[in-house]
Amino acid sequence: MVKRIYICTMKSIVILSMFLSFNYCLEAQQKGYYKSEIGAELYGGFSNLGGAFGGEIKYGYLVDKNFIVGPSFRLQRTWTNNFGVNQSFNIYGGGLFAHYRIQEKLFLGTEMQMLRSPFNFVSFQQNTKKWAPIILIGGGVHLKLHERIRMSAGIFYDVVNAENSPFRSSYNFKVKNEFGQIVRILPIIYRITFFFPLGEKTN
């Protein structure tokens, strides 16, 4: 009887110790992180048919150490020289983003924006629809380069793939048939964003 009570007591102590250790680790993860960050992404691409340059700014609020969410704003200048017709225009707009970071090594995320883009990147003409909805889903690596510098480099899939999406010129994944001809271009892009923590760490 005494032995049985001793075993039950030891099991309770072990379970309690595991619970306290887990709770301590969880609290340790939640403490000592910056509550907000500024993200910056630069973009540029040039060819004999045209080009673009610009960037995007994000403001992120950390709900906890791993989950960051906030608004974003994008502005870029684009020009084309298709069939000898020169055109140039500004593309701008805003939206929301959310990233879930895994042990400051990986991240999964979604980014949604509505961009004013008056050009059809399929027909290479002025578009009747002035606004392009963007919904990106993807993930990649998240690295801590310095105490005040983080980098998220990932691959994103555009669920909407609007004809006037300014990201169409950045699609790099092509599907070819048995003759080597391109039959489809997948709406997949690379994105690299640098995040800079603001303020001081939580206690």
N, C-alpha and C. Protein backbone atom coordinates (compact mmCIF):
# COMPACT_ATOMS: atom_id res chain seq x y z
N MET A 1 0.84 -1.21 0.00
CA MET A 1 0.00 0.00 0.00
C MET A 1 0.87 1.25 0.00
N VAL A 2 1.91 1.26 0.86
CA VAL A 2 2.82 2.39 0.92
C VAL A 2 3.57 2.53 -0.39
N LYS A 3 3.98 1.39 -0.98
CA LYS A 3 4.69 1.42 -2.26
C LYS A 3 3.82 1.99 -3.36
N ARG A 4 2.53 1.61 -3.34
CA ARG A 4 1.61 2.12 -4.37
C ARG A 4 1.42 3.63 -4.23
N ILE A 5 1.29 4.10 -2.98
CA ILE A 5 1.15 5.54 -2.75
C ILE A 5 2.40 6.27 -3.20
N TYR A 6 3.56 5.68 -2.94
CA TYR A 6 4.84 6.28 -3.33
C TYR A 6 4.94 6.42 -4.84
N ILE A 7 4.53 5.35 -5.56
CA ILE A 7 4.57 5.38 -7.03
C ILE A 7 3.63 6.44 -7.57
N CYS A 8 2.41 6.51 -7.02
CA CYS A 8 1.45 7.52 -7.47
C CYS A 8 1.96 8.93 -7.20
N THR A 9 2.60 9.10 -6.03
CA THR A 9 3.15 10.41 -5.70
C THR A 9 4.26 10.80 -6.66
N MET A 10 5.15 9.85 -6.98
CA MET A 10 6.24 10.12 -7.92
C MET A 10 5.70 10.47 -9.30
N LYS A 11 4.65 9.74 -9.74
CA LYS A 11 4.04 10.05 -11.04
C LYS A 11 3.48 11.46 -11.04
N SER A 12 2.83 11.83 -9.93
CA SER A 12 2.25 13.17 -9.84
C SER A 12 3.33 14.23 -9.89
N ILE A 13 4.46 13.98 -9.20
CA ILE A 13 5.57 14.93 -9.19
C ILE A 13 6.15 15.07 -10.59
N VAL A 14 6.32 13.93 -11.29
CA VAL A 14 6.87 13.97 -12.65
C VAL A 14 5.95 14.74 -13.58
N ILE A 15 4.64 14.45 -13.50
CA ILE A 15 3.67 15.13 -14.36
C ILE A 15 3.65 16.62 -14.06
N LEU A 16 3.67 16.97 -12.75
CA LEU A 16 3.67 18.37 -12.36
C LEU A 16 4.93 19.08 -12.84
N SER A 17 6.07 18.40 -12.74
CA SER A 17 7.34 18.98 -13.19
C SER A 17 7.33 19.22 -14.69
N MET A 18 6.79 18.24 -15.44
CA MET A 18 6.70 18.40 -16.89
C MET A 18 5.79 19.57 -17.24
N PHE A 19 4.68 19.70 -16.53
CA PHE A 19 3.74 20.79 -16.79
C PHE A 19 4.38 22.15 -16.51
N LEU A 20 5.08 22.24 -15.35
CA LEU A 20 5.73 23.50 -15.00
C LEU A 20 6.84 23.85 -15.99
N SER A 21 7.58 22.83 -16.44
CA SER A 21 8.65 23.06 -17.40
C SER A 21 8.09 23.55 -18.72
N PHE A 22 6.99 22.92 -19.17
CA PHE A 22 6.34 23.33 -20.41
C PHE A 22 5.81 24.75 -20.30
N ASN A 23 5.18 25.05 -19.15
CA ASN A 23 4.63 26.38 -18.93
C ASN A 23 5.74 27.43 -18.89
N TYR A 24 6.87 27.08 -18.28
CA TYR A 24 8.01 28.00 -18.22
C TYR A 24 8.57 28.26 -19.61
N CYS A 25 8.71 27.19 -20.41
CA CYS A 25 9.22 27.35 -21.77
C CYS A 25 8.28 28.22 -22.61
N LEU A 26 6.97 28.01 -22.42
CA LEU A 26 5.99 28.79 -23.17
C LEU A 26 6.06 30.26 -22.80
N GLU A 27 6.18 30.54 -21.50
CA GLU A 27 6.30 31.93 -21.07
C GLU A 27 7.60 32.54 -21.56
N ALA A 28 8.67 31.74 -21.57
CA ALA A 28 9.97 32.25 -22.03
C ALA A 28 9.91 32.62 -23.50
N GLN A 29 9.12 31.83 -24.27
CA GLN A 29 9.00 32.13 -25.69
C GLN A 29 8.22 33.42 -25.90
N GLN A 30 7.26 33.69 -25.03
CA GLN A 30 6.41 34.86 -25.21
C GLN A 30 7.09 36.14 -24.72
N LYS A 31 8.11 36.01 -23.89
CA LYS A 31 8.78 37.18 -23.35
C LYS A 31 10.00 37.53 -24.21
N GLY A 32 10.41 38.77 -24.08
CA GLY A 32 11.64 39.18 -24.73
C GLY A 32 11.56 39.26 -26.24
N TYR A 33 10.46 39.82 -26.78
CA TYR A 33 10.38 40.02 -28.23
C TYR A 33 9.83 41.41 -28.51
N TYR A 34 10.13 41.92 -29.72
CA TYR A 34 9.66 43.23 -30.11
C TYR A 34 8.19 43.15 -30.53
N LYS A 35 7.42 44.15 -30.15
CA LYS A 35 5.98 44.13 -30.41
C LYS A 35 5.61 44.60 -31.81
N SER A 36 6.52 45.29 -32.49
CA SER A 36 6.18 45.77 -33.84
C SER A 36 7.44 45.84 -34.70
N GLU A 37 7.21 45.78 -36.02
CA GLU A 37 8.32 45.82 -36.97
C GLU A 37 7.91 46.58 -38.23
N ILE A 38 8.90 47.13 -38.90
CA ILE A 38 8.70 47.74 -40.22
C ILE A 38 9.36 46.81 -41.25
N GLY A 39 8.61 46.46 -42.29
CA GLY A 39 9.14 45.61 -43.35
C GLY A 39 9.34 46.41 -44.63
N ALA A 40 10.40 46.13 -45.36
CA ALA A 40 10.70 46.84 -46.61
C ALA A 40 11.11 45.85 -47.69
N GLU A 41 10.55 46.03 -48.88
CA GLU A 41 10.88 45.18 -50.03
C GLU A 41 11.13 46.07 -51.24
N LEU A 42 12.25 45.87 -51.90
CA LEU A 42 12.57 46.61 -53.12
C LEU A 42 12.34 45.73 -54.33
N TYR A 43 11.91 46.35 -55.43
CA TYR A 43 11.65 45.57 -56.65
C TYR A 43 12.21 46.31 -57.85
N GLY A 44 12.81 45.57 -58.78
CA GLY A 44 13.30 46.16 -60.01
C GLY A 44 13.51 45.11 -61.08
N GLY A 45 13.15 45.42 -62.29
CA GLY A 45 13.33 44.51 -63.40
C GLY A 45 13.33 45.27 -64.71
N PHE A 46 14.24 44.93 -65.63
CA PHE A 46 14.39 45.68 -66.87
C PHE A 46 14.64 44.73 -68.04
N SER A 47 14.13 45.09 -69.22
CA SER A 47 14.38 44.35 -70.46
C SER A 47 14.18 45.30 -71.62
N ASN A 48 14.37 44.79 -72.85
CA ASN A 48 14.19 45.64 -74.03
C ASN A 48 12.71 45.93 -74.29
N LEU A 49 11.81 45.24 -73.58
CA LEU A 49 10.38 45.46 -73.74
C LEU A 49 9.80 46.37 -72.66
N GLY A 50 10.61 46.70 -71.66
CA GLY A 50 10.11 47.55 -70.59
C GLY A 50 10.77 47.24 -69.27
N GLY A 51 10.13 47.66 -68.22
CA GLY A 51 10.70 47.40 -66.90
C GLY A 51 9.84 47.99 -65.80
N ALA A 52 10.32 47.84 -64.58
CA ALA A 52 9.61 48.38 -63.42
C ALA A 52 10.58 48.52 -62.26
N PHE A 53 10.29 49.48 -61.41
CA PHE A 53 11.03 49.58 -60.15
C PHE A 53 10.10 50.20 -59.10
N GLY A 54 10.35 49.85 -57.87
CA GLY A 54 9.49 50.34 -56.79
C GLY A 54 9.73 49.53 -55.53
N GLY A 55 8.70 49.42 -54.73
CA GLY A 55 8.85 48.67 -53.49
C GLY A 55 7.58 48.63 -52.67
N GLU A 56 7.72 48.04 -51.49
CA GLU A 56 6.58 47.87 -50.61
C GLU A 56 7.01 48.07 -49.17
N ILE A 57 6.13 48.68 -48.39
CA ILE A 57 6.36 48.91 -46.97
C ILE A 57 5.28 48.17 -46.18
N LYS A 58 5.71 47.48 -45.12
CA LYS A 58 4.77 46.79 -44.24
C LYS A 58 4.96 47.29 -42.82
N TYR A 59 3.85 47.41 -42.08
CA TYR A 59 3.93 47.64 -40.65
C TYR A 59 3.33 46.42 -39.96
N GLY A 60 4.13 45.74 -39.16
CA GLY A 60 3.67 44.51 -38.54
C GLY A 60 3.56 44.61 -37.03
N TYR A 61 2.43 44.14 -36.51
CA TYR A 61 2.24 44.03 -35.06
C TYR A 61 2.35 42.57 -34.67
N LEU A 62 3.19 42.26 -33.70
CA LEU A 62 3.37 40.89 -33.27
C LEU A 62 2.35 40.54 -32.21
N VAL A 63 1.40 39.70 -32.59
CA VAL A 63 0.38 39.23 -31.65
C VAL A 63 1.04 38.41 -30.55
N ASP A 64 2.00 37.58 -30.94
CA ASP A 64 2.92 36.93 -30.01
C ASP A 64 4.27 36.82 -30.71
N LYS A 65 5.18 36.06 -30.15
CA LYS A 65 6.53 36.03 -30.72
C LYS A 65 6.56 35.48 -32.14
N ASN A 66 5.59 34.65 -32.50
CA ASN A 66 5.63 33.95 -33.79
C ASN A 66 4.69 34.52 -34.85
N PHE A 67 3.66 35.26 -34.43
CA PHE A 67 2.62 35.67 -35.38
C PHE A 67 2.63 37.18 -35.56
N ILE A 68 2.87 37.63 -36.81
CA ILE A 68 2.91 39.05 -37.12
C ILE A 68 1.86 39.36 -38.18
N VAL A 69 1.14 40.48 -37.99
CA VAL A 69 0.06 40.85 -38.90
C VAL A 69 0.02 42.37 -39.00
N GLY A 70 -0.41 42.89 -40.16
CA GLY A 70 -0.52 44.34 -40.30
C GLY A 70 -0.79 44.79 -41.72
N PRO A 71 -0.84 46.10 -41.92
CA PRO A 71 -1.12 46.67 -43.25
C PRO A 71 0.15 46.77 -44.10
N SER A 72 -0.07 46.94 -45.40
CA SER A 72 1.05 47.09 -46.34
C SER A 72 0.68 48.11 -47.41
N PHE A 73 1.69 48.74 -47.99
CA PHE A 73 1.47 49.71 -49.08
C PHE A 73 2.54 49.49 -50.14
N ARG A 74 2.11 49.47 -51.40
CA ARG A 74 3.03 49.22 -52.51
C ARG A 74 2.95 50.34 -53.53
N LEU A 75 4.13 50.74 -54.07
CA LEU A 75 4.21 51.74 -55.12
C LEU A 75 5.33 51.36 -56.08
N GLN A 76 5.03 51.33 -57.39
CA GLN A 76 6.07 51.06 -58.37
C GLN A 76 5.77 51.76 -59.69
N ARG A 77 6.83 52.06 -60.39
CA ARG A 77 6.74 52.70 -61.70
C ARG A 77 7.01 51.64 -62.76
N THR A 78 6.14 51.53 -63.74
CA THR A 78 6.26 50.51 -64.78
C THR A 78 6.18 51.16 -66.16
N TRP A 79 6.95 50.64 -67.10
CA TRP A 79 6.89 51.13 -68.47
C TRP A 79 7.04 49.96 -69.45
N THR A 80 6.47 50.11 -70.64
CA THR A 80 6.54 49.07 -71.66
C THR A 80 6.87 49.69 -73.02
N ASN A 81 7.40 48.85 -73.90
CA ASN A 81 7.73 49.26 -75.25
C ASN A 81 7.30 48.14 -76.20
N ASN A 82 6.04 47.74 -76.05
CA ASN A 82 5.54 46.62 -76.84
C ASN A 82 5.09 47.08 -78.22
N PHE A 83 5.60 46.43 -79.27
CA PHE A 83 5.28 46.77 -80.66
C PHE A 83 5.58 48.24 -80.96
N GLY A 84 6.62 48.77 -80.31
CA GLY A 84 7.03 50.14 -80.57
C GLY A 84 6.18 51.20 -79.91
N VAL A 85 5.20 50.80 -79.10
CA VAL A 85 4.33 51.75 -78.41
C VAL A 85 4.82 51.92 -76.98
N ASN A 86 5.25 53.13 -76.65
CA ASN A 86 5.78 53.41 -75.32
C ASN A 86 4.66 53.81 -74.37
N GLN A 87 4.64 53.16 -73.22
CA GLN A 87 3.66 53.50 -72.20
C GLN A 87 4.34 53.44 -70.83
N SER A 88 3.91 54.30 -69.93
CA SER A 88 4.43 54.28 -68.57
C SER A 88 3.30 54.66 -67.61
N PHE A 89 3.34 54.11 -66.43
CA PHE A 89 2.26 54.35 -65.47
C PHE A 89 2.73 53.96 -64.07
N ASN A 90 2.03 54.50 -63.08
CA ASN A 90 2.30 54.17 -61.68
C ASN A 90 1.32 53.11 -61.21
N ILE A 91 1.81 52.19 -60.41
CA ILE A 91 0.98 51.16 -59.80
C ILE A 91 1.08 51.35 -58.29
N TYR A 92 -0.07 51.40 -57.62
CA TYR A 92 -0.04 51.61 -56.18
C TYR A 92 -1.27 50.97 -55.53
N GLY A 93 -1.18 50.78 -54.24
CA GLY A 93 -2.31 50.22 -53.50
C GLY A 93 -1.86 49.68 -52.16
N GLY A 94 -2.80 49.14 -51.43
CA GLY A 94 -2.50 48.63 -50.09
C GLY A 94 -3.26 47.36 -49.77
N GLY A 95 -2.99 46.84 -48.58
CA GLY A 95 -3.66 45.62 -48.16
C GLY A 95 -3.22 45.18 -46.79
N LEU A 96 -3.28 43.88 -46.57
CA LEU A 96 -2.94 43.28 -45.28
C LEU A 96 -2.01 42.09 -45.51
N PHE A 97 -1.21 41.78 -44.49
CA PHE A 97 -0.37 40.58 -44.55
C PHE A 97 -0.38 39.91 -43.19
N ALA A 98 -0.09 38.61 -43.19
CA ALA A 98 0.02 37.84 -41.95
C ALA A 98 1.06 36.75 -42.15
N HIS A 99 2.05 36.71 -41.27
CA HIS A 99 3.10 35.69 -41.32
C HIS A 99 3.16 34.95 -40.00
N TYR A 100 3.30 33.64 -40.08
CA TYR A 100 3.53 32.83 -38.88
C TYR A 100 4.95 32.30 -38.94
N ARG A 101 5.76 32.68 -37.97
CA ARG A 101 7.17 32.32 -37.96
C ARG A 101 7.41 31.09 -37.08
N ILE A 102 8.25 30.21 -37.58
CA ILE A 102 8.52 28.95 -36.89
C ILE A 102 9.97 28.97 -36.41
N GLN A 103 10.16 29.19 -35.11
CA GLN A 103 11.48 29.15 -34.47
C GLN A 103 12.50 30.08 -35.16
N GLU A 104 12.04 31.19 -35.70
CA GLU A 104 12.90 32.16 -36.38
C GLU A 104 13.76 31.50 -37.46
N LYS A 105 13.19 30.51 -38.11
CA LYS A 105 13.89 29.82 -39.21
C LYS A 105 13.02 29.73 -40.46
N LEU A 106 11.73 29.49 -40.28
CA LEU A 106 10.81 29.35 -41.39
C LEU A 106 9.59 30.23 -41.15
N PHE A 107 8.81 30.45 -42.21
CA PHE A 107 7.56 31.18 -42.04
C PHE A 107 6.54 30.71 -43.08
N LEU A 108 5.28 30.83 -42.71
CA LEU A 108 4.15 30.61 -43.61
C LEU A 108 3.35 31.90 -43.61
N GLY A 109 2.80 32.26 -44.77
CA GLY A 109 2.11 33.54 -44.78
C GLY A 109 1.13 33.73 -45.92
N THR A 110 0.32 34.75 -45.77
CA THR A 110 -0.59 35.18 -46.83
C THR A 110 -0.53 36.70 -46.91
N GLU A 111 -0.62 37.24 -48.12
CA GLU A 111 -0.57 38.67 -48.34
C GLU A 111 -1.67 39.04 -49.33
N MET A 112 -2.52 40.00 -48.95
CA MET A 112 -3.65 40.41 -49.78
C MET A 112 -3.56 41.90 -50.05
N GLN A 113 -3.72 42.27 -51.31
CA GLN A 113 -3.65 43.68 -51.69
C GLN A 113 -4.64 43.98 -52.81
N MET A 114 -5.01 45.25 -52.90
CA MET A 114 -5.76 45.76 -54.05
C MET A 114 -4.91 46.85 -54.67
N LEU A 115 -4.40 46.59 -55.89
CA LEU A 115 -3.47 47.50 -56.54
C LEU A 115 -4.11 48.17 -57.75
N ARG A 116 -3.92 49.47 -57.86
CA ARG A 116 -4.40 50.19 -59.04
C ARG A 116 -3.40 49.97 -60.17
N SER A 117 -3.81 49.14 -61.13
CA SER A 117 -2.92 48.75 -62.22
C SER A 117 -3.70 48.83 -63.53
N PRO A 118 -3.54 49.91 -64.29
CA PRO A 118 -4.37 50.14 -65.49
C PRO A 118 -3.89 49.43 -66.75
N PHE A 119 -2.98 48.46 -66.62
CA PHE A 119 -2.39 47.82 -67.79
C PHE A 119 -2.64 46.32 -67.76
N ASN A 120 -3.05 45.76 -68.91
CA ASN A 120 -3.29 44.33 -69.04
C ASN A 120 -1.99 43.65 -69.48
N PHE A 121 -1.40 42.83 -68.59
CA PHE A 121 -0.12 42.20 -68.88
C PHE A 121 -0.26 40.93 -69.72
N VAL A 122 -1.49 40.62 -70.18
CA VAL A 122 -1.72 39.50 -71.10
C VAL A 122 -1.81 40.01 -72.53
N SER A 123 -2.65 41.05 -72.74
CA SER A 123 -2.81 41.62 -74.09
C SER A 123 -1.86 42.78 -74.35
N PHE A 124 -1.15 43.25 -73.29
CA PHE A 124 -0.23 44.39 -73.39
C PHE A 124 -0.93 45.64 -73.90
N GLN A 125 -2.10 45.88 -73.32
CA GLN A 125 -2.88 47.06 -73.66
C GLN A 125 -3.45 47.67 -72.38
N GLN A 126 -4.01 48.88 -72.53
CA GLN A 126 -4.68 49.49 -71.39
C GLN A 126 -5.85 48.61 -70.97
N ASN A 127 -6.01 48.43 -69.67
CA ASN A 127 -7.03 47.52 -69.16
C ASN A 127 -8.30 48.28 -68.77
N THR A 128 -9.45 47.66 -69.02
CA THR A 128 -10.72 48.28 -68.62
C THR A 128 -10.88 48.24 -67.10
N LYS A 129 -10.33 47.21 -66.46
CA LYS A 129 -10.36 47.12 -65.00
C LYS A 129 -9.12 47.83 -64.44
N LYS A 130 -9.36 48.80 -63.61
CA LYS A 130 -8.26 49.61 -63.08
C LYS A 130 -7.61 49.01 -61.84
N TRP A 131 -8.31 48.13 -61.14
CA TRP A 131 -7.79 47.59 -59.89
C TRP A 131 -7.56 46.08 -60.00
N ALA A 132 -6.45 45.65 -59.47
CA ALA A 132 -6.09 44.22 -59.53
C ALA A 132 -6.08 43.63 -58.12
N PRO A 133 -6.93 42.63 -57.84
CA PRO A 133 -6.89 41.96 -56.54
C PRO A 133 -5.73 40.97 -56.49
N ILE A 134 -4.99 40.98 -55.40
CA ILE A 134 -3.83 40.10 -55.22
C ILE A 134 -4.03 39.28 -53.94
N ILE A 135 -3.95 37.97 -54.04
CA ILE A 135 -3.98 37.11 -52.85
C ILE A 135 -2.83 36.11 -52.98
N LEU A 136 -1.80 36.32 -52.19
CA LEU A 136 -0.61 35.48 -52.23
C LEU A 136 -0.59 34.53 -51.03
N ILE A 137 -0.25 33.27 -51.30
CA ILE A 137 -0.11 32.27 -50.24
C ILE A 137 1.23 31.56 -50.44
N GLY A 138 1.99 31.43 -49.37
CA GLY A 138 3.29 30.78 -49.53
C GLY A 138 4.07 30.70 -48.23
N GLY A 139 5.37 30.66 -48.37
CA GLY A 139 6.25 30.56 -47.22
C GLY A 139 7.69 30.44 -47.66
N GLY A 140 8.58 30.31 -46.67
CA GLY A 140 10.00 30.22 -46.97
C GLY A 140 10.83 30.27 -45.72
N VAL A 141 12.00 30.86 -45.82
CA VAL A 141 12.92 30.94 -44.68
C VAL A 141 12.79 32.32 -44.01
N HIS A 142 12.93 32.32 -42.70
CA HIS A 142 12.95 33.56 -41.94
C HIS A 142 14.21 33.56 -41.09
N LEU A 143 15.08 34.52 -41.33
CA LEU A 143 16.40 34.51 -40.69
C LEU A 143 16.61 35.77 -39.86
N LYS A 144 17.24 35.59 -38.72
CA LYS A 144 17.64 36.71 -37.88
C LYS A 144 19.08 37.06 -38.24
N LEU A 145 19.25 38.12 -39.04
CA LEU A 145 20.57 38.52 -39.49
C LEU A 145 21.32 39.33 -38.44
N HIS A 146 20.53 40.04 -37.63
CA HIS A 146 21.10 40.91 -36.59
C HIS A 146 19.99 41.14 -35.57
N GLU A 147 20.34 41.66 -34.42
CA GLU A 147 19.33 41.93 -33.39
C GLU A 147 18.22 42.82 -33.93
N ARG A 148 18.56 43.71 -34.86
CA ARG A 148 17.57 44.65 -35.41
C ARG A 148 17.26 44.40 -36.88
N ILE A 149 17.66 43.27 -37.43
CA ILE A 149 17.40 42.98 -38.84
C ILE A 149 16.95 41.53 -39.00
N ARG A 150 15.79 41.34 -39.60
CA ARG A 150 15.30 40.01 -39.96
C ARG A 150 15.05 39.97 -41.47
N MET A 151 15.08 38.79 -42.05
CA MET A 151 14.82 38.65 -43.48
C MET A 151 13.89 37.48 -43.72
N SER A 152 12.84 37.72 -44.49
CA SER A 152 11.93 36.66 -44.92
C SER A 152 12.06 36.50 -46.44
N ALA A 153 12.51 35.35 -46.87
CA ALA A 153 12.66 35.06 -48.31
C ALA A 153 11.79 33.85 -48.63
N GLY A 154 10.80 34.05 -49.51
CA GLY A 154 9.87 32.96 -49.76
C GLY A 154 9.35 32.90 -51.18
N ILE A 155 8.55 31.89 -51.42
CA ILE A 155 7.89 31.68 -52.71
C ILE A 155 6.39 31.77 -52.47
N PHE A 156 5.69 32.58 -53.30
CA PHE A 156 4.26 32.80 -53.12
C PHE A 156 3.49 32.46 -54.40
N TYR A 157 2.30 31.95 -54.21
CA TYR A 157 1.39 31.62 -55.32
C TYR A 157 0.24 32.62 -55.31
N ASP A 158 -0.02 33.25 -56.45
CA ASP A 158 -1.11 34.23 -56.57
C ASP A 158 -2.39 33.49 -56.92
N VAL A 159 -3.29 33.40 -55.96
CA VAL A 159 -4.54 32.65 -56.14
C VAL A 159 -5.42 33.28 -57.20
N VAL A 160 -5.47 34.61 -57.26
CA VAL A 160 -6.35 35.31 -58.20
C VAL A 160 -5.75 35.35 -59.61
N ASN A 161 -4.48 35.74 -59.71
CA ASN A 161 -3.78 35.83 -60.99
C ASN A 161 -4.52 36.73 -61.98
N ALA A 162 -4.82 37.96 -61.55
CA ALA A 162 -5.55 38.91 -62.40
C ALA A 162 -4.73 39.29 -63.62
N GLU A 163 -5.41 39.58 -64.72
CA GLU A 163 -4.71 39.93 -65.97
C GLU A 163 -3.92 41.22 -65.84
N ASN A 164 -4.34 42.10 -64.97
CA ASN A 164 -3.61 43.36 -64.79
C ASN A 164 -2.76 43.35 -63.52
N SER A 165 -2.44 42.15 -63.02
CA SER A 165 -1.55 42.05 -61.86
C SER A 165 -0.13 42.46 -62.26
N PRO A 166 0.48 43.40 -61.55
CA PRO A 166 1.84 43.82 -61.89
C PRO A 166 2.89 42.75 -61.62
N PHE A 167 2.50 41.68 -60.91
CA PHE A 167 3.44 40.61 -60.62
C PHE A 167 3.59 39.62 -61.78
N ARG A 168 2.76 39.76 -62.80
CA ARG A 168 2.81 38.83 -63.93
C ARG A 168 4.18 38.84 -64.62
N SER A 169 4.82 39.99 -64.66
CA SER A 169 6.13 40.07 -65.32
C SER A 169 7.22 39.39 -64.49
N SER A 170 6.89 38.99 -63.25
CA SER A 170 7.87 38.34 -62.37
C SER A 170 7.68 36.83 -62.28
N TYR A 171 6.68 36.30 -62.98
CA TYR A 171 6.46 34.85 -62.94
C TYR A 171 7.63 34.13 -63.60
N ASN A 172 8.20 33.16 -62.89
CA ASN A 172 9.39 32.46 -63.40
C ASN A 172 9.18 30.96 -63.64
N PHE A 173 8.02 30.44 -63.26
CA PHE A 173 7.78 29.00 -63.40
C PHE A 173 6.95 28.74 -64.65
N LYS A 174 7.56 28.09 -65.64
CA LYS A 174 6.90 27.86 -66.93
C LYS A 174 6.69 26.37 -67.16
N VAL A 175 5.51 26.02 -67.70
CA VAL A 175 5.17 24.63 -68.05
C VAL A 175 5.30 24.48 -69.56
N LYS A 176 6.10 23.50 -70.00
CA LYS A 176 6.31 23.28 -71.43
C LYS A 176 5.74 21.94 -71.86
N ASN A 177 5.37 21.85 -73.17
CA ASN A 177 4.88 20.58 -73.71
C ASN A 177 6.06 19.75 -74.22
N GLU A 178 5.75 18.63 -74.88
CA GLU A 178 6.81 17.73 -75.34
C GLU A 178 7.68 18.34 -76.43
N PHE A 179 7.21 19.44 -77.04
CA PHE A 179 7.98 20.10 -78.08
C PHE A 179 8.82 21.27 -77.52
N GLY A 180 8.76 21.46 -76.22
CA GLY A 180 9.52 22.53 -75.59
C GLY A 180 8.85 23.88 -75.65
N GLN A 181 7.59 23.91 -76.06
CA GLN A 181 6.85 25.17 -76.14
C GLN A 181 6.19 25.47 -74.80
N ILE A 182 6.19 26.74 -74.42
CA ILE A 182 5.57 27.15 -73.17
C ILE A 182 4.05 27.15 -73.33
N VAL A 183 3.37 26.34 -72.54
CA VAL A 183 1.92 26.24 -72.62
C VAL A 183 1.23 26.91 -71.44
N ARG A 184 2.00 27.18 -70.39
CA ARG A 184 1.41 27.81 -69.20
C ARG A 184 2.50 28.43 -68.34
N ILE A 185 2.19 29.57 -67.78
CA ILE A 185 3.09 30.22 -66.83
C ILE A 185 2.40 30.26 -65.47
N LEU A 186 2.99 29.62 -64.49
CA LEU A 186 2.38 29.55 -63.17
C LEU A 186 2.54 30.87 -62.42
N PRO A 187 1.49 31.31 -61.71
CA PRO A 187 1.54 32.59 -60.99
C PRO A 187 2.32 32.47 -59.67
N ILE A 188 3.61 32.17 -59.78
CA ILE A 188 4.47 31.99 -58.62
C ILE A 188 5.60 33.01 -58.67
N ILE A 189 5.82 33.69 -57.55
CA ILE A 189 6.86 34.71 -57.51
C ILE A 189 7.76 34.51 -56.29
N TYR A 190 8.94 35.08 -56.37
CA TYR A 190 9.85 35.14 -55.22
C TYR A 190 9.67 36.48 -54.54
N ARG A 191 9.77 36.48 -53.20
CA ARG A 191 9.69 37.74 -52.47
C ARG A 191 10.71 37.73 -51.33
N ILE A 192 11.44 38.83 -51.20
CA ILE A 192 12.39 39.00 -50.10
C ILE A 192 12.04 40.30 -49.37
N THR A 193 11.74 40.18 -48.09
CA THR A 193 11.38 41.34 -47.28
C THR A 193 12.29 41.42 -46.07
N PHE A 194 12.79 42.60 -45.79
CA PHE A 194 13.61 42.83 -44.60
C PHE A 194 12.74 43.50 -43.54
N PHE A 195 12.79 42.95 -42.32
CA PHE A 195 12.02 43.48 -41.21
C PHE A 195 12.95 44.10 -40.17
N PHE A 196 12.54 45.27 -39.67
CA PHE A 196 13.34 45.99 -38.68
C PHE A 196 12.49 46.21 -37.43
N PRO A 197 12.82 45.55 -36.32
CA PRO A 197 12.05 45.72 -35.08
C PRO A 197 12.04 47.15 -34.58
N LEU A 198 10.92 47.55 -33.96
CA LEU A 198 10.77 48.89 -33.42
C LEU A 198 10.67 48.84 -31.89
N GLY A 199 11.12 49.91 -31.24
CA GLY A 199 10.99 50.00 -29.80
C GLY A 199 11.91 49.07 -29.05
N GLU A 200 11.45 48.68 -27.86
CA GLU A 200 12.22 47.80 -27.01
C GLU A 200 11.50 46.47 -26.83
N LYS A 201 12.24 45.46 -26.41
CA LYS A 201 11.66 44.14 -26.19
C LYS A 201 10.71 44.15 -24.99
N THR A 202 9.74 43.25 -25.04
CA THR A 202 8.85 43.08 -23.90
C THR A 202 9.60 42.43 -22.75
N ASN A 203 9.13 42.62 -21.54
CA ASN A 203 9.76 42.03 -20.37
C ASN A 203 9.35 40.56 -20.21
